């Protein structure tokens, strides 16, 4: 990620990586990790991973060095957590992920 864009990651979110499900289907997550991010609170209509149209609450921008998955749990600076509806990782000229855009 470009240095100027890294400077825009002024907020902190918490990521918990999806690890497994218990016998009742409840997700089990790893210990929380703090990540630098930029959070834009703006509702918009999106199509989630199941193909359903939903209204997102926020878009979170993260450095490309973060490892994200669709089933991970992200907690925003205001303490709320929502499922990840869309996850986009554009690649740079070397083929590495430049940054992440997670729509919640």
PDB file of N, CA and C in Angstrom:
ATOM      1  N   UNK A   1       0.852  -1.174   0.000  1.00  0.00           N
ATOM      2  CA  UNK A   1       0.000   0.000   0.000  1.00  0.00           C
ATOM      3  C   UNK A   1       0.897   1.236   0.000  1.00  0.00           C
ATOM      4  N   UNK A   2       0.518   2.213  -0.769  1.00  0.00           N
ATOM      5  CA  UNK A   2       1.281   3.454  -0.883  1.00  0.00           C
ATOM      6  C   UNK A   2       1.331   4.175   0.464  1.00  0.00           C
ATOM      7  N   UNK A   3       2.450   4.829   0.743  1.00  0.00           N
ATOM      8  CA  UNK A   3       2.660   5.509   2.025  1.00  0.00           C
ATOM      9  C   UNK A   3       1.565   6.541   2.325  1.00  0.00           C
ATOM     10  N   UNK A   4       1.119   7.273   1.302  1.00  0.00           N
ATOM     11  CA  UNK A   4       0.071   8.274   1.509  1.00  0.00           C
ATOM     12  C   UNK A   4      -1.243   7.616   1.917  1.00  0.00           C
ATOM     13  N   UNK A   5      -1.528   6.450   1.356  1.00  0.00           N
ATOM     14  CA  UNK A   5      -2.755   5.738   1.729  1.00  0.00           C
ATOM     15  C   UNK A   5      -2.634   5.141   3.125  1.00  0.00           C
ATOM     16  N   UNK A   6      -1.448   4.663   3.484  1.00  0.00           N
ATOM     17  CA  UNK A   6      -1.245   4.136   4.836  1.00  0.00           C
ATOM     18  C   UNK A   6      -1.506   5.210   5.889  1.00  0.00           C
ATOM     19  N   UNK A   7      -1.171   6.451   5.575  1.00  0.00           N
ATOM     20  CA  UNK A   7      -1.390   7.559   6.510  1.00  0.00           C
ATOM     21  C   UNK A   7      -2.871   7.800   6.761  1.00  0.00           C
ATOM     22  N   UNK A   8      -3.738   7.319   5.867  1.00  0.00           N
ATOM     23  CA  UNK A   8      -5.183   7.508   6.034  1.00  0.00           C
ATOM     24  C   UNK A   8      -5.807   6.459   6.956  1.00  0.00           C
ATOM     25  N   UNK A   9      -5.049   5.440   7.340  1.00  0.00           N
ATOM     26  CA  UNK A   9      -5.566   4.402   8.229  1.00  0.00           C
ATOM     27  C   UNK A   9      -5.431   4.889   9.671  1.00  0.00           C
ATOM     28  N   UNK A  10      -6.329   5.770  10.074  1.00  0.00           N
ATOM     29  CA  UNK A  10      -6.217   6.463  11.363  1.00  0.00           C
ATOM     30  C   UNK A  10      -7.097   5.884  12.463  1.00  0.00           C
ATOM     31  N   UNK A  11      -7.904   4.889  12.147  1.00  0.00           N
ATOM     32  CA  UNK A  11      -8.783   4.287  13.144  1.00  0.00           C
ATOM     33  C   UNK A  11      -8.314   2.875  13.448  1.00  0.00           C
ATOM     34  N   UNK A  12      -8.820   2.315  14.531  1.00  0.00           N
ATOM     35  CA  UNK A  12      -8.446   0.964  14.917  1.00  0.00           C
ATOM     36  C   UNK A  12      -9.685   0.087  14.978  1.00  0.00           C
ATOM     37  N   UNK A  13      -9.610  -1.065  14.322  1.00  0.00           N
ATOM     38  CA  UNK A  13     -10.684  -2.052  14.403  1.00  0.00           C
ATOM     39  C   UNK A  13     -10.107  -3.322  15.022  1.00  0.00           C
ATOM     40  N   UNK A  14     -10.976  -4.232  15.383  1.00  0.00           N
ATOM     41  CA  UNK A  14     -10.554  -5.505  15.941  1.00  0.00           C
ATOM     42  C   UNK A  14     -10.977  -6.618  14.990  1.00  0.00           C
ATOM     43  N   UNK A  15     -10.056  -7.520  14.715  1.00  0.00           N
ATOM     44  CA  UNK A  15     -10.335  -8.671  13.857  1.00  0.00           C
ATOM     45  C   UNK A  15     -10.237  -9.943  14.693  1.00  0.00           C
ATOM     46  N   UNK A  16     -11.232 -10.812  14.506  1.00  0.00           N
ATOM     47  CA  UNK A  16     -11.200 -12.148  15.086  1.00  0.00           C
ATOM     48  C   UNK A  16     -11.351 -13.121  13.920  1.00  0.00           C
ATOM     49  N   UNK A  17     -10.355 -13.961  13.721  1.00  0.00           N
ATOM     50  CA  UNK A  17     -10.333 -14.892  12.597  1.00  0.00           C
ATOM     51  C   UNK A  17     -11.243 -16.076  12.902  1.00  0.00           C
ATOM     52  N   UNK A  18     -12.089 -16.429  11.930  1.00  0.00           N
ATOM     53  CA  UNK A  18     -12.958 -17.592  12.063  1.00  0.00           C
ATOM     54  C   UNK A  18     -12.082 -18.838  12.147  1.00  0.00           C
ATOM     55  N   UNK A  19     -12.303 -19.667  13.182  1.00  0.00           N
ATOM     56  CA  UNK A  19     -11.486 -20.869  13.369  1.00  0.00           C
ATOM     57  C   UNK A  19     -12.275 -22.134  13.069  1.00  0.00           C
ATOM     58  N   UNK A  20     -13.507 -22.215  13.567  1.00  0.00           N
ATOM     59  CA  UNK A  20     -14.305 -23.433  13.393  1.00  0.00           C
ATOM     60  C   UNK A  20     -15.730 -23.152  13.845  1.00  0.00           C
ATOM     61  N   UNK A  21     -16.544 -24.208  13.853  1.00  0.00           N
ATOM     62  CA  UNK A  21     -17.897 -24.133  14.410  1.00  0.00           C
ATOM     63  C   UNK A  21     -18.014 -25.204  15.478  1.00  0.00           C
ATOM     64  N   UNK A  22     -18.787 -24.890  16.529  1.00  0.00           N
ATOM     65  CA  UNK A  22     -19.005 -25.909  17.548  1.00  0.00           C
ATOM     66  C   UNK A  22     -20.091 -26.876  17.082  1.00  0.00           C
ATOM     67  N   UNK A  23     -20.471 -27.808  17.916  1.00  0.00           N
ATOM     68  CA  UNK A  23     -21.445 -28.845  17.553  1.00  0.00           C
ATOM     69  C   UNK A  23     -22.816 -28.273  17.205  1.00  0.00           C
ATOM     70  N   UNK A  24     -23.090 -27.046  17.650  1.00  0.00           N
ATOM     71  CA  UNK A  24     -24.389 -26.415  17.395  1.00  0.00           C
ATOM     72  C   UNK A  24     -24.335 -25.412  16.252  1.00  0.00           C
ATOM     73  N   UNK A  25     -23.199 -25.324  15.575  1.00  0.00           N
ATOM     74  CA  UNK A  25     -23.064 -24.419  14.440  1.00  0.00           C
ATOM     75  C   UNK A  25     -22.638 -23.016  14.815  1.00  0.00           C
ATOM     76  N   UNK A  26     -22.361 -22.778  16.092  1.00  0.00           N
ATOM     77  CA  UNK A  26     -21.932 -21.451  16.540  1.00  0.00           C
ATOM     78  C   UNK A  26     -20.462 -21.254  16.164  1.00  0.00           C
ATOM     79  N   UNK A  27     -20.113 -20.105  15.559  1.00  0.00           N
ATOM     80  CA  UNK A  27     -18.730 -19.893  15.144  1.00  0.00           C
ATOM     81  C   UNK A  27     -17.788 -19.739  16.337  1.00  0.00           C
ATOM     82  N   UNK A  28     -16.574 -20.219  16.142  1.00  0.00           N
ATOM     83  CA  UNK A  28     -15.502 -20.066  17.128  1.00  0.00           C
ATOM     84  C   UNK A  28     -14.434 -19.203  16.469  1.00  0.00           C
ATOM     85  N   UNK A  29     -14.002 -18.162  17.178  1.00  0.00           N
ATOM     86  CA  UNK A  29     -13.038 -17.210  16.629  1.00  0.00           C
ATOM     87  C   UNK A  29     -11.734 -17.229  17.416  1.00  0.00           C
ATOM     88  N   UNK A  30     -10.678 -16.740  16.782  1.00  0.00           N
ATOM     89  CA  UNK A  30      -9.382 -16.604  17.434  1.00  0.00           C
ATOM     90  C   UNK A  30      -9.421 -15.414  18.396  1.00  0.00           C
ATOM     91  N   UNK A  31      -8.330 -15.213  19.085  1.00  0.00           N
ATOM     92  CA  UNK A  31      -8.208 -14.047  19.965  1.00  0.00           C
ATOM     93  C   UNK A  31      -8.234 -12.774  19.116  1.00  0.00           C
ATOM     94  N   UNK A  32      -8.811 -11.695  19.638  1.00  0.00           N
ATOM     95  CA  UNK A  32      -8.898 -10.459  18.851  1.00  0.00           C
ATOM     96  C   UNK A  32      -7.529  -9.807  18.629  1.00  0.00           C
ATOM     97  N   UNK A  33      -7.381  -9.225  17.424  1.00  0.00           N
ATOM     98  CA  UNK A  33      -6.160  -8.521  17.041  1.00  0.00           C
ATOM     99  C   UNK A  33      -6.564  -7.131  16.565  1.00  0.00           C
ATOM    100  N   UNK A  34      -5.835  -6.106  16.983  1.00  0.00           N
ATOM    101  CA  UNK A  34      -6.121  -4.736  16.557  1.00  0.00           C
ATOM    102  C   UNK A  34      -5.425  -4.450  15.231  1.00  0.00           C
ATOM    103  N   UNK A  35      -6.154  -3.778  14.333  1.00  0.00           N
ATOM    104  CA  UNK A  35      -5.627  -3.421  13.017  1.00  0.00           C
ATOM    105  C   UNK A  35      -5.906  -1.948  12.724  1.00  0.00           C
ATOM    106  N   UNK A  36      -4.952  -1.284  12.071  1.00  0.00           N
ATOM    107  CA  UNK A  36      -5.167   0.087  11.617  1.00  0.00           C
ATOM    108  C   UNK A  36      -6.097   0.045  10.411  1.00  0.00           C
ATOM    109  N   UNK A  37      -7.056   0.961  10.384  1.00  0.00           N
ATOM    110  CA  UNK A  37      -8.058   0.937   9.315  1.00  0.00           C
ATOM    111  C   UNK A  37      -8.597   2.332   9.054  1.00  0.00           C
ATOM    112  N   UNK A  38      -9.326   2.422   7.966  1.00  0.00           N
ATOM    113  CA  UNK A  38     -10.149   3.597   7.678  1.00  0.00           C
ATOM    114  C   UNK A  38     -11.567   3.075   7.536  1.00  0.00           C
ATOM    115  N   UNK A  39     -12.473   3.682   8.275  1.00  0.00           N
ATOM    116  CA  UNK A  39     -13.864   3.242   8.262  1.00  0.00           C
ATOM    117  C   UNK A  39     -14.713   4.362   7.679  1.00  0.00           C
ATOM    118  N   UNK A  40     -15.481   4.030   6.656  1.00  0.00           N
ATOM    119  CA  UNK A  40     -16.412   4.988   6.050  1.00  0.00           C
ATOM    120  C   UNK A  40     -17.824   4.483   6.306  1.00  0.00           C
ATOM    121  N   UNK A  41     -18.544   5.216   7.135  1.00  0.00           N
ATOM    122  CA  UNK A  41     -19.930   4.858   7.447  1.00  0.00           C
ATOM    123  C   UNK A  41     -20.826   5.465   6.381  1.00  0.00           C
ATOM    124  N   UNK A  42     -21.325   4.620   5.507  1.00  0.00           N
ATOM    125  CA  UNK A  42     -22.220   5.080   4.445  1.00  0.00           C
ATOM    126  C   UNK A  42     -23.062   3.894   4.017  1.00  0.00           C
ATOM    127  N   UNK A  43     -24.374   3.954   4.227  1.00  0.00           N
ATOM    128  CA  UNK A  43     -25.212   2.842   3.780  1.00  0.00           C
ATOM    129  C   UNK A  43     -25.267   2.777   2.261  1.00  0.00           C
ATOM    130  N   UNK A  44     -25.221   1.544   1.755  1.00  0.00           N
ATOM    131  CA  UNK A  44     -25.380   1.336   0.312  1.00  0.00           C
ATOM    132  C   UNK A  44     -25.865  -0.081   0.074  1.00  0.00           C
ATOM    133  N   UNK A  45     -26.504  -0.284  -1.059  1.00  0.00           N
ATOM    134  CA  UNK A  45     -27.016  -1.611  -1.400  1.00  0.00           C
ATOM    135  C   UNK A  45     -25.892  -2.438  -2.014  1.00  0.00           C
ATOM    136  N   UNK A  46     -25.756  -3.666  -1.526  1.00  0.00           N
ATOM    137  CA  UNK A  46     -24.747  -4.584  -2.051  1.00  0.00           C
ATOM    138  C   UNK A  46     -25.369  -5.963  -2.199  1.00  0.00           C
ATOM    139  N   UNK A  47     -24.736  -6.798  -2.990  1.00  0.00           N
ATOM    140  CA  UNK A  47     -25.118  -8.195  -3.113  1.00  0.00           C
ATOM    141  C   UNK A  47     -24.086  -8.988  -2.315  1.00  0.00           C
ATOM    142  N   UNK A  48     -24.544  -9.740  -1.304  1.00  0.00           N
ATOM    143  CA  UNK A  48     -23.616 -10.461  -0.441  1.00  0.00           C
ATOM    144  C   UNK A  48     -23.155 -11.768  -1.084  1.00  0.00           C
ATOM    145  N   UNK A  49     -22.366 -12.547  -0.350  1.00  0.00           N
ATOM    146  CA  UNK A  49     -21.784 -13.784  -0.881  1.00  0.00           C
ATOM    147  C   UNK A  49     -22.835 -14.828  -1.224  1.00  0.00           C
ATOM    148  N   UNK A  50     -24.034 -14.739  -0.638  1.00  0.00           N
ATOM    149  CA  UNK A  50     -25.094 -15.705  -0.940  1.00  0.00           C
ATOM    150  C   UNK A  50     -25.973 -15.247  -2.098  1.00  0.00           C
ATOM    151  N   UNK A  51     -25.695 -14.047  -2.649  1.00  0.00           N
ATOM    152  CA  UNK A  51     -26.458 -13.548  -3.779  1.00  0.00           C
ATOM    153  C   UNK A  51     -27.661 -12.710  -3.393  1.00  0.00           C
ATOM    154  N   UNK A  52     -27.823 -12.430  -2.106  1.00  0.00           N
ATOM    155  CA  UNK A  52     -28.960 -11.623  -1.661  1.00  0.00           C
ATOM    156  C   UNK A  52     -28.580 -10.154  -1.591  1.00  0.00           C
ATOM    157  N   UNK A  53     -29.529  -9.301  -1.944  1.00  0.00           N
ATOM    158  CA  UNK A  53     -29.309  -7.867  -1.868  1.00  0.00           C
ATOM    159  C   UNK A  53     -29.532  -7.407  -0.436  1.00  0.00           C
ATOM    160  N   UNK A  54     -28.569  -6.671   0.094  1.00  0.00           N
ATOM    161  CA  UNK A  54     -28.635  -6.167   1.472  1.00  0.00           C
ATOM    162  C   UNK A  54     -28.151  -4.729   1.511  1.00  0.00           C
ATOM    163  N   UNK A  55     -28.362  -4.087   2.647  1.00  0.00           N
ATOM    164  CA  UNK A  55     -27.872  -2.725   2.844  1.00  0.00           C
ATOM    165  C   UNK A  55     -26.661  -2.788   3.780  1.00  0.00           C
ATOM    166  N   UNK A  56     -25.528  -2.307   3.280  1.00  0.00           N
ATOM    167  CA  UNK A  56     -24.319  -2.290   4.105  1.00  0.00           C
ATOM    168  C   UNK A  56     -24.340  -1.058   4.989  1.00  0.00           C
ATOM    169  N   UNK A  57     -23.560  -1.112   6.012  1.00  0.00           N
ATOM    170  CA  UNK A  57     -23.487  -0.041   6.997  1.00  0.00           C
ATOM    171  C   UNK A  57     -22.213   0.761   6.862  1.00  0.00           C
ATOM    172  N   UNK A  58     -21.121   0.055   6.524  1.00  0.00           N
ATOM    173  CA  UNK A  58     -19.809   0.703   6.469  1.00  0.00           C
ATOM    174  C   UNK A  58     -18.887  -0.070   5.534  1.00  0.00           C
ATOM    175  N   UNK A  59     -17.855   0.629   5.070  1.00  0.00           N
ATOM    176  CA  UNK A  59     -16.771  -0.002   4.327  1.00  0.00           C
ATOM    177  C   UNK A  59     -15.493   0.229   5.109  1.00  0.00           C
ATOM    178  N   UNK A  60     -14.727  -0.837   5.296  1.00  0.00           N
ATOM    179  CA  UNK A  60     -13.484  -0.777   6.059  1.00  0.00           C
ATOM    180  C   UNK A  60     -12.332  -0.997   5.087  1.00  0.00           C
ATOM    181  N   UNK A  61     -11.348  -0.105   5.123  1.00  0.00           N
ATOM    182  CA  UNK A  61     -10.156  -0.204   4.291  1.00  0.00           C
ATOM    183  C   UNK A  61      -8.991  -0.604   5.185  1.00  0.00           C
ATOM    184  N   UNK A  62      -8.254  -1.645   4.767  1.00  0.00           N
ATOM    185  CA  UNK A  62      -7.122  -2.166   5.537  1.00  0.00           C
ATOM    186  C   UNK A  62      -5.917  -2.334   4.627  1.00  0.00           C
ATOM    187  N   UNK A  63      -4.741  -2.366   5.230  1.00  0.00           N
ATOM    188  CA  UNK A  63      -3.510  -2.621   4.492  1.00  0.00           C
ATOM    189  C   UNK A  63      -3.540  -4.036   3.909  1.00  0.00           C
ATOM    190  N   UNK A  64      -2.897  -4.237   2.793  1.00  0.00           N
ATOM    191  CA  UNK A  64      -2.885  -5.533   2.132  1.00  0.00           C
ATOM    192  C   UNK A  64      -2.127  -6.614   2.873  1.00  0.00           C
ATOM    193  N   UNK A  65      -1.359  -6.244   3.894  1.00  0.00           N
ATOM    194  CA  UNK A  65      -0.629  -7.254   4.669  1.00  0.00           C
ATOM    195  C   UNK A  65      -1.545  -8.008   5.626  1.00  0.00           C
ATOM    196  N   UNK A  66      -2.727  -7.483   5.883  1.00  0.00           N
ATOM    197  CA  UNK A  66      -3.689  -8.176   6.745  1.00  0.00           C
ATOM    198  C   UNK A  66      -4.201  -9.421   6.019  1.00  0.00           C
ATOM    199  N   UNK A  67      -4.507 -10.445   6.787  1.00  0.00           N
ATOM    200  CA  UNK A  67      -5.067 -11.679   6.228  1.00  0.00           C
ATOM    201  C   UNK A  67      -6.535 -11.732   6.641  1.00  0.00           C
ATOM    202  N   UNK A  68      -7.435 -11.627   5.665  1.00  0.00           N
ATOM    203  CA  UNK A  68      -8.872 -11.574   5.939  1.00  0.00           C
ATOM    204  C   UNK A  68      -9.600 -12.729   5.271  1.00  0.00           C
ATOM    205  N   UNK A  69     -10.700 -13.133   5.884  1.00  0.00           N
ATOM    206  CA  UNK A  69     -11.581 -14.135   5.312  1.00  0.00           C
ATOM    207  C   UNK A  69     -13.025 -13.685   5.455  1.00  0.00           C
ATOM    208  N   UNK A  70     -13.887 -14.176   4.603  1.00  0.00           N
ATOM    209  CA  UNK A  70     -15.296 -13.773   4.612  1.00  0.00           C
ATOM    210  C   UNK A  70     -15.999 -14.091   5.935  1.00  0.00           C
ATOM    211  N   UNK A  71     -15.530 -15.096   6.655  1.00  0.00           N
ATOM    212  CA  UNK A  71     -16.208 -15.502   7.889  1.00  0.00           C
ATOM    213  C   UNK A  71     -15.583 -14.875   9.136  1.00  0.00           C
ATOM    214  N   UNK A  72     -14.557 -14.044   8.968  1.00  0.00           N
ATOM    215  CA  UNK A  72     -13.941 -13.363  10.108  1.00  0.00           C
ATOM    216  C   UNK A  72     -14.912 -12.359  10.706  1.00  0.00           C
ATOM    217  N   UNK A  73     -14.663 -11.964  11.937  1.00  0.00           N
ATOM    218  CA  UNK A  73     -15.502 -10.961  12.594  1.00  0.00           C
ATOM    219  C   UNK A  73     -14.669  -9.699  12.784  1.00  0.00           C
ATOM    220  N   UNK A  74     -15.189  -8.571  12.277  1.00  0.00           N
ATOM    221  CA  UNK A  74     -14.556  -7.267  12.441  1.00  0.00           C
ATOM    222  C   UNK A  74     -15.414  -6.422  13.368  1.00  0.00           C
ATOM    223  N   UNK A  75     -14.773  -5.828  14.367  1.00  0.00           N
ATOM    224  CA  UNK A  75     -15.474  -4.941  15.290  1.00  0.00           C
ATOM    225  C   UNK A  75     -15.003  -3.523  15.010  1.00  0.00           C
ATOM    226  N   UNK A  76     -15.950  -2.642  14.732  1.00  0.00           N
ATOM    227  CA  UNK A  76     -15.661  -1.258  14.364  1.00  0.00           C
ATOM    228  C   UNK A  76     -15.310  -0.421  15.593  1.00  0.00           C
ATOM    229  N   UNK A  77     -14.757   0.777  15.386  1.00  0.00           N
ATOM    230  CA  UNK A  77     -14.393   1.623  16.518  1.00  0.00           C
ATOM    231  C   UNK A  77     -15.561   1.973  17.448  1.00  0.00           C
ATOM    232  N   UNK A  78     -16.795   1.964  16.921  1.00  0.00           N
ATOM    233  CA  UNK A  78     -17.950   2.271  17.773  1.00  0.00           C
ATOM    234  C   UNK A  78     -18.414   1.047  18.570  1.00  0.00           C
ATOM    235  N   UNK A  79     -17.704  -0.087  18.434  1.00  0.00           N
ATOM    236  CA  UNK A  79     -18.021  -1.284  19.206  1.00  0.00           C
ATOM    237  C   UNK A  79     -18.990  -2.236  18.536  1.00  0.00           C
ATOM    238  N   UNK A  80     -19.502  -1.882  17.368  1.00  0.00           N
ATOM    239  CA  UNK A  80     -20.447  -2.755  16.673  1.00  0.00           C
ATOM    240  C   UNK A  80     -19.710  -3.738  15.769  1.00  0.00           C
ATOM    241  N   UNK A  81     -20.358  -4.847  15.512  1.00  0.00           N
ATOM    242  CA  UNK A  81     -19.801  -5.872  14.646  1.00  0.00           C
ATOM    243  C   UNK A  81     -20.895  -6.350  13.708  1.00  0.00           C
ATOM    244  N   UNK A  82     -20.557  -6.492  12.444  1.00  0.00           N
ATOM    245  CA  UNK A  82     -21.506  -6.953  11.433  1.00  0.00           C
ATOM    246  C   UNK A  82     -20.819  -7.995  10.581  1.00  0.00           C
ATOM    247  N   UNK A  83     -21.585  -8.888   9.937  1.00  0.00           N
ATOM    248  CA  UNK A  83     -20.959  -9.850   9.036  1.00  0.00           C
ATOM    249  C   UNK A  83     -20.329  -9.140   7.842  1.00  0.00           C
ATOM    250  N   UNK A  84     -19.269  -9.722   7.312  1.00  0.00           N
ATOM    251  CA  UNK A  84     -18.652  -9.198   6.095  1.00  0.00           C
ATOM    252  C   UNK A  84     -19.530  -9.614   4.924  1.00  0.00           C
ATOM    253  N   UNK A  85     -20.026  -8.630   4.169  1.00  0.00           N
ATOM    254  CA  UNK A  85     -20.886  -8.911   3.023  1.00  0.00           C
ATOM    255  C   UNK A  85     -20.083  -9.071   1.742  1.00  0.00           C
ATOM    256  N   UNK A  86     -19.074  -8.235   1.588  1.00  0.00           N
ATOM    257  CA  UNK A  86     -18.202  -8.299   0.415  1.00  0.00           C
ATOM    258  C   UNK A  86     -16.767  -8.080   0.874  1.00  0.00           C
ATOM    259  N   UNK A  87     -15.838  -8.727   0.200  1.00  0.00           N
ATOM    260  CA  UNK A  87     -14.421  -8.576   0.498  1.00  0.00           C
ATOM    261  C   UNK A  87     -13.686  -8.437  -0.822  1.00  0.00           C
ATOM    262  N   UNK A  88     -12.962  -7.326  -0.977  1.00  0.00           N
ATOM    263  CA  UNK A  88     -12.282  -7.036  -2.233  1.00  0.00           C
ATOM    264  C   UNK A  88     -10.823  -6.719  -1.933  1.00  0.00           C
ATOM    265  N   UNK A  89      -9.910  -7.385  -2.617  1.00  0.00           N
ATOM    266  CA  UNK A  89      -8.479  -7.158  -2.447  1.00  0.00           C
ATOM    267  C   UNK A  89      -7.801  -6.918  -3.776  1.00  0.00           C
ATOM    268  N   UNK A  90      -7.771  -5.654  -4.257  1.00  0.00           N
ATOM    269  CA  UNK A  90      -7.117  -5.378  -5.542  1.00  0.00           C
ATOM    270  C   UNK A  90      -5.617  -5.658  -5.448  1.00  0.00           C
ATOM    271  N   UNK A  91      -5.053  -6.122  -6.552  1.00  0.00           N
ATOM    272  CA  UNK A  91      -3.638  -6.494  -6.570  1.00  0.00           C
ATOM    273  C   UNK A  91      -2.791  -5.399  -7.226  1.00  0.00           C
ATOM    274  N   UNK A  92      -1.539  -5.293  -6.758  1.00  0.00           N
ATOM    275  CA  UNK A  92      -0.616  -4.327  -7.349  1.00  0.00           C
ATOM    276  C   UNK A  92       0.064  -4.950  -8.574  1.00  0.00           C
ATOM    277  N   UNK A  93       1.033  -4.253  -9.155  1.00  0.00           N
ATOM    278  CA  UNK A  93       1.686  -4.730 -10.377  1.00  0.00           C
ATOM    279  C   UNK A  93       2.486  -6.004 -10.145  1.00  0.00           C
ATOM    280  N   UNK A  94       2.831  -6.301  -8.897  1.00  0.00           N
ATOM    281  CA  UNK A  94       3.590  -7.517  -8.579  1.00  0.00           C
ATOM    282  C   UNK A  94       2.683  -8.701  -8.265  1.00  0.00           C
ATOM    283  N   UNK A  95       1.372  -8.483  -8.236  1.00  0.00           N
ATOM    284  CA  UNK A  95       0.434  -9.554  -7.945  1.00  0.00           C
ATOM    285  C   UNK A  95       0.087  -9.698  -6.476  1.00  0.00           C
ATOM    286  N   UNK A  96       0.642  -8.841  -5.619  1.00  0.00           N
ATOM    287  CA  UNK A  96       0.330  -8.875  -4.188  1.00  0.00           C
ATOM    288  C   UNK A  96      -0.903  -8.033  -3.903  1.00  0.00           C
ATOM    289  N   UNK A  97      -1.624  -8.390  -2.860  1.00  0.00           N
ATOM    290  CA  UNK A  97      -2.802  -7.599  -2.501  1.00  0.00           C
ATOM    291  C   UNK A  97      -2.342  -6.243  -1.975  1.00  0.00           C
ATOM    292  N   UNK A  98      -2.832  -5.178  -2.608  1.00  0.00           N
ATOM    293  CA  UNK A  98      -2.448  -3.816  -2.239  1.00  0.00           C
ATOM    294  C   UNK A  98      -3.146  -3.372  -0.963  1.00  0.00           C
ATOM    295  N   UNK A  99      -4.453  -3.594  -0.921  1.00  0.00           N
ATOM    296  CA  UNK A  99      -5.249  -3.226   0.261  1.00  0.00           C
ATOM    297  C   UNK A  99      -6.525  -4.046   0.246  1.00  0.00           C
ATOM    298  N   UNK A 100      -7.258  -4.002   1.348  1.00  0.00           N
ATOM    299  CA  UNK A 100      -8.533  -4.697   1.472  1.00  0.00           C
ATOM    300  C   UNK A 100      -9.657  -3.686   1.611  1.00  0.00           C
ATOM    301  N   UNK A 101     -10.797  -4.017   1.016  1.00  0.00           N
ATOM    302  CA  UNK A 101     -12.035  -3.264   1.209  1.00  0.00           C
ATOM    303  C   UNK A 101     -13.084  -4.270   1.682  1.00  0.00           C
ATOM    304  N   UNK A 102     -13.475  -4.151   2.935  1.00  0.00           N
ATOM    305  CA  UNK A 102     -14.473  -5.053   3.501  1.00  0.00           C
ATOM    306  C   UNK A 102     -15.763  -4.270   3.703  1.00  0.00           C
ATOM    307  N   UNK A 103     -16.835  -4.751   3.100  1.00  0.00           N
ATOM    308  CA  UNK A 103     -18.139  -4.112   3.228  1.00  0.00           C
ATOM    309  C   UNK A 103     -18.932  -4.843   4.308  1.00  0.00           C
ATOM    310  N   UNK A 104     -19.354  -4.097   5.316  1.00  0.00           N
ATOM    311  CA  UNK A 104     -20.094  -4.670   6.450  1.00  0.00           C
ATOM    312  C   UNK A 104     -21.523  -4.161   6.448  1.00  0.00           C
TER     313      UNK A 104
END
